[in-house]
Amino acid sequence: MTTLPDRPHTAVLVVDVQNGVVGEAYERDRVVANVSTLVGKARAGGVPVVWVQHSGEGLAKDSDAWQLVPELSRDGSEPLVHKTYADSFEATDLEDVLARAGIGHLIVSGAQTDECIRSTIHGAMVRGYDVTLVGDAHTTEDLSEWGAPSPDKVIAHTNLYWQEHRAPGRTAAVKKTEELTF
């Protein structure tokens, strides 16, 4: 269905599951466990896993905060994309990584729901990808002190609107970790 020609394959995208990003995130342990399960399923099914790691203010490259959480381990053969913007495609080699592997469908997990996840799923869709958001494998921190809804509502709202999202020749979906098979 993707509008990208000759891109029949799927990849799992793990966005910013780093110590300094998910340390105080809503239901952190459950979400990290779901991401781990998702990665295991993808590997067992021969589906590529692409890791995205953010750096910037408060996330200095190579610092403890910048590191992937200890519960997840990236296989050395799996691509790692470094980013400095919310959208994982902006000023990165993500598009090249996906093009080389013939990827037209992304299954997205990670953090933070209201910033990097939303920016990345929209960025993927406008670039021609089909996008499945793993509804129980993304999270955010509590920003209600600054006027944002509580994290559970941010996550629920993102899942709600993404399952109804549409674009010509592309699909959007929300699935739970247990529903995904490869």
Protein backbone atom coordinates (compact mmCIF):
# COMPACT_ATOMS: atom_id res chain seq x y z
CA MET A 1 0.00 0.00 0.00
CA THR A 2 2.90 2.40 0.58
CA THR A 3 3.40 5.05 -2.07
CA LEU A 4 7.10 4.25 -2.11
CA PRO A 5 7.92 2.12 -5.16
CA ASP A 6 9.77 -1.17 -4.64
CA ARG A 7 9.49 -1.01 -0.85
CA PRO A 8 7.62 -4.19 0.14
CA HIS A 9 9.33 -4.73 3.50
CA THR A 10 8.53 -3.81 7.10
CA ALA A 11 10.83 -2.60 9.87
CA VAL A 12 10.42 -1.97 13.58
CA LEU A 13 11.54 1.51 14.62
CA VAL A 14 12.58 1.99 18.26
CA VAL A 15 12.69 5.71 19.00
CA ASP A 16 14.61 7.25 21.91
CA VAL A 17 14.23 4.51 24.54
CA GLN A 18 17.11 6.09 26.41
CA ASN A 19 17.82 6.51 30.12
CA GLY A 20 17.31 10.27 30.08
CA VAL A 21 14.14 10.10 27.97
CA VAL A 22 12.16 7.34 29.69
CA GLY A 23 13.61 7.55 33.20
CA GLU A 24 10.51 9.32 34.54
CA ALA A 25 8.09 8.18 31.84
CA TYR A 26 4.55 6.96 32.46
CA GLU A 27 4.45 3.18 32.97
CA ARG A 28 8.12 3.03 31.99
CA ASP A 29 8.74 -0.60 32.92
CA ARG A 30 5.65 -1.93 31.14
CA VAL A 31 6.40 0.06 27.99
CA VAL A 32 10.09 -0.96 27.94
CA ALA A 33 9.03 -4.60 28.40
CA ASN A 34 6.63 -4.25 25.45
CA VAL A 35 9.37 -2.71 23.30
CA SER A 36 11.64 -5.60 24.27
CA THR A 37 8.93 -8.12 23.31
CA LEU A 38 8.37 -6.29 20.02
CA VAL A 39 12.09 -6.35 19.21
CA GLY A 40 12.26 -10.07 20.03
CA LYS A 41 9.29 -10.83 17.79
CA ALA A 42 10.80 -8.82 14.94
CA ARG A 43 14.16 -10.54 15.23
CA ALA A 44 12.53 -13.99 15.38
CA GLY A 45 10.51 -13.13 12.27
CA GLY A 46 13.46 -11.76 10.32
CA VAL A 47 12.10 -8.21 10.39
CA PRO A 48 14.74 -5.46 10.63
CA VAL A 49 14.93 -3.39 13.80
CA VAL A 50 16.13 0.20 13.41
CA TRP A 51 17.17 2.11 16.52
CA VAL A 52 16.94 5.90 16.88
CA GLN A 53 18.90 7.78 19.52
CA HIS A 54 18.42 11.47 20.30
CA SER A 55 21.10 13.85 21.46
CA GLY A 56 20.81 17.47 22.49
CA GLU A 57 20.33 19.60 25.57
CA GLY A 58 20.25 17.25 28.56
CA LEU A 59 21.16 14.27 26.36
CA ALA A 60 24.83 14.71 25.60
CA LYS A 61 26.13 12.06 23.25
CA ASP A 62 27.83 9.19 25.13
CA SER A 63 26.48 10.35 28.52
CA ASP A 64 24.56 7.96 30.80
CA ALA A 65 21.30 9.78 29.98
CA TRP A 66 21.96 9.27 26.25
CA GLN A 67 22.43 5.49 26.51
CA LEU A 68 19.69 3.04 25.56
CA VAL A 69 17.96 1.62 28.63
CA PRO A 70 19.73 -1.45 30.03
CA GLU A 71 16.71 -3.72 29.41
CA LEU A 72 17.17 -3.33 25.66
CA SER A 73 20.18 -4.41 23.67
CA ARG A 74 20.83 -3.42 20.12
CA ASP A 75 22.36 -6.12 17.94
CA GLY A 76 25.50 -4.67 16.34
CA SER A 77 24.13 -5.42 12.87
CA GLU A 78 20.99 -3.35 13.48
CA PRO A 79 21.11 0.22 12.17
CA LEU A 80 21.45 3.06 14.67
CA VAL A 81 20.24 6.48 13.58
CA HIS A 82 21.43 9.54 15.49
CA LYS A 83 19.07 12.50 15.61
CA THR A 84 18.84 15.99 17.04
CA TYR A 85 15.26 16.86 16.01
CA ALA A 86 11.93 15.37 17.09
CA ASP A 87 11.21 13.86 13.65
CA SER A 88 13.56 10.90 13.23
CA PHE A 89 13.88 11.69 9.51
CA GLU A 90 15.07 15.30 9.89
CA ALA A 91 18.81 15.73 9.27
CA THR A 92 19.47 11.97 9.68
CA ASP A 93 20.27 9.01 7.45
CA LEU A 94 17.02 7.19 8.38
CA GLU A 95 15.56 7.49 4.88
CA ASP A 96 18.74 6.04 3.35
CA VAL A 97 18.76 3.15 5.86
CA LEU A 98 15.13 2.32 5.04
CA ALA A 99 15.55 2.72 1.28
CA ARG A 100 18.52 0.33 1.19
CA ALA A 101 16.41 -2.32 2.95
CA GLY A 102 13.32 -1.74 0.79
CA ILE A 103 11.24 -0.66 3.79
CA GLY A 104 7.83 0.86 3.07
CA HIS A 105 6.04 0.02 6.33
CA LEU A 106 7.20 1.16 9.76
CA ILE A 107 6.08 -0.25 13.09
CA VAL A 108 6.87 2.51 15.60
CA SER A 109 7.56 2.31 19.35
CA GLY A 110 9.43 4.43 21.88
CA ALA A 111 9.31 7.87 23.44
CA GLN A 112 8.16 10.53 23.88
CA THR A 113 4.60 10.17 22.65
CA ASP A 114 3.84 13.88 22.40
CA GLU A 115 7.08 14.89 20.74
CA CYS A 116 9.37 12.43 18.96
CA ILE A 117 6.79 9.69 18.39
CA ARG A 118 4.16 12.04 16.97
CA SER A 119 6.71 13.90 14.86
CA THR A 120 8.17 10.65 13.52
CA ILE A 121 4.86 8.96 12.65
CA HIS A 122 3.69 12.08 10.83
CA GLY A 123 7.09 12.51 9.18
CA ALA A 124 6.96 8.92 7.95
CA MET A 125 3.42 9.25 6.61
CA VAL A 126 4.15 12.43 4.64
CA ARG A 127 7.23 10.73 3.17
CA GLY A 128 5.08 7.89 1.81
CA TYR A 129 5.37 5.18 4.47
CA ASP A 130 2.61 3.04 5.92
CA VAL A 131 2.83 3.47 9.68
CA THR A 132 1.68 1.23 12.52
CA LEU A 133 1.98 2.72 15.99
CA VAL A 134 2.38 0.14 18.75
CA GLY A 135 -0.26 1.48 21.11
CA ASP A 136 1.15 -0.06 24.28
CA ALA A 137 4.83 0.47 23.43
CA HIS A 138 5.14 4.25 23.52
CA THR A 139 5.20 6.60 26.50
CA THR A 140 5.89 10.11 27.72
CA GLU A 141 6.69 11.96 30.91
CA ASP A 142 4.15 13.96 32.92
CA LEU A 143 4.09 17.51 31.57
CA SER A 144 0.76 18.47 33.16
CA GLU A 145 2.54 21.04 35.33
CA TRP A 146 2.99 23.04 32.10
CA GLY A 147 -0.59 22.60 30.90
CA ALA A 148 -0.34 19.31 29.02
CA PRO A 149 -2.84 16.52 29.64
CA SER A 150 -1.74 13.69 31.91
CA PRO A 151 0.48 11.07 30.19
CA ASP A 152 -2.27 8.43 30.04
CA LYS A 153 -4.49 10.89 28.15
CA VAL A 154 -1.67 11.94 25.79
CA ILE A 155 -1.04 8.28 24.94
CA ALA A 156 -4.76 7.47 24.58
CA HIS A 157 -5.37 10.50 22.37
CA THR A 158 -2.41 9.70 20.12
CA ASN A 159 -3.62 6.12 19.73
CA LEU A 160 -7.17 7.34 19.02
CA TYR A 161 -6.32 9.80 16.28
CA TRP A 162 -3.63 7.62 14.68
CA GLN A 163 -5.99 4.68 14.21
CA GLU A 164 -8.25 7.03 12.23
CA HIS A 165 -5.46 8.78 10.31
CA ARG A 166 -5.57 8.49 6.52
CA ALA A 167 -3.55 9.64 3.52
CA PRO A 168 -3.81 8.75 -0.18
CA GLY A 169 -2.17 5.39 -0.86
CA ARG A 170 -0.90 4.98 2.70
CA THR A 171 -2.23 3.33 5.83
CA ALA A 172 -2.08 4.19 9.51
CA ALA A 173 -2.86 1.72 12.25
CA VAL A 174 -2.55 1.17 15.98
CA LYS A 175 -1.88 -2.34 17.30
CA LYS A 176 -0.92 -3.75 20.67
CA THR A 177 2.33 -5.63 21.07
CA GLU A 178 0.52 -8.95 21.46
CA GLU A 179 -1.38 -8.40 18.16
CA LEU A 180 1.76 -8.05 16.06
CA THR A 181 3.13 -11.06 14.25
CA PHE A 182 6.01 -11.24 11.81
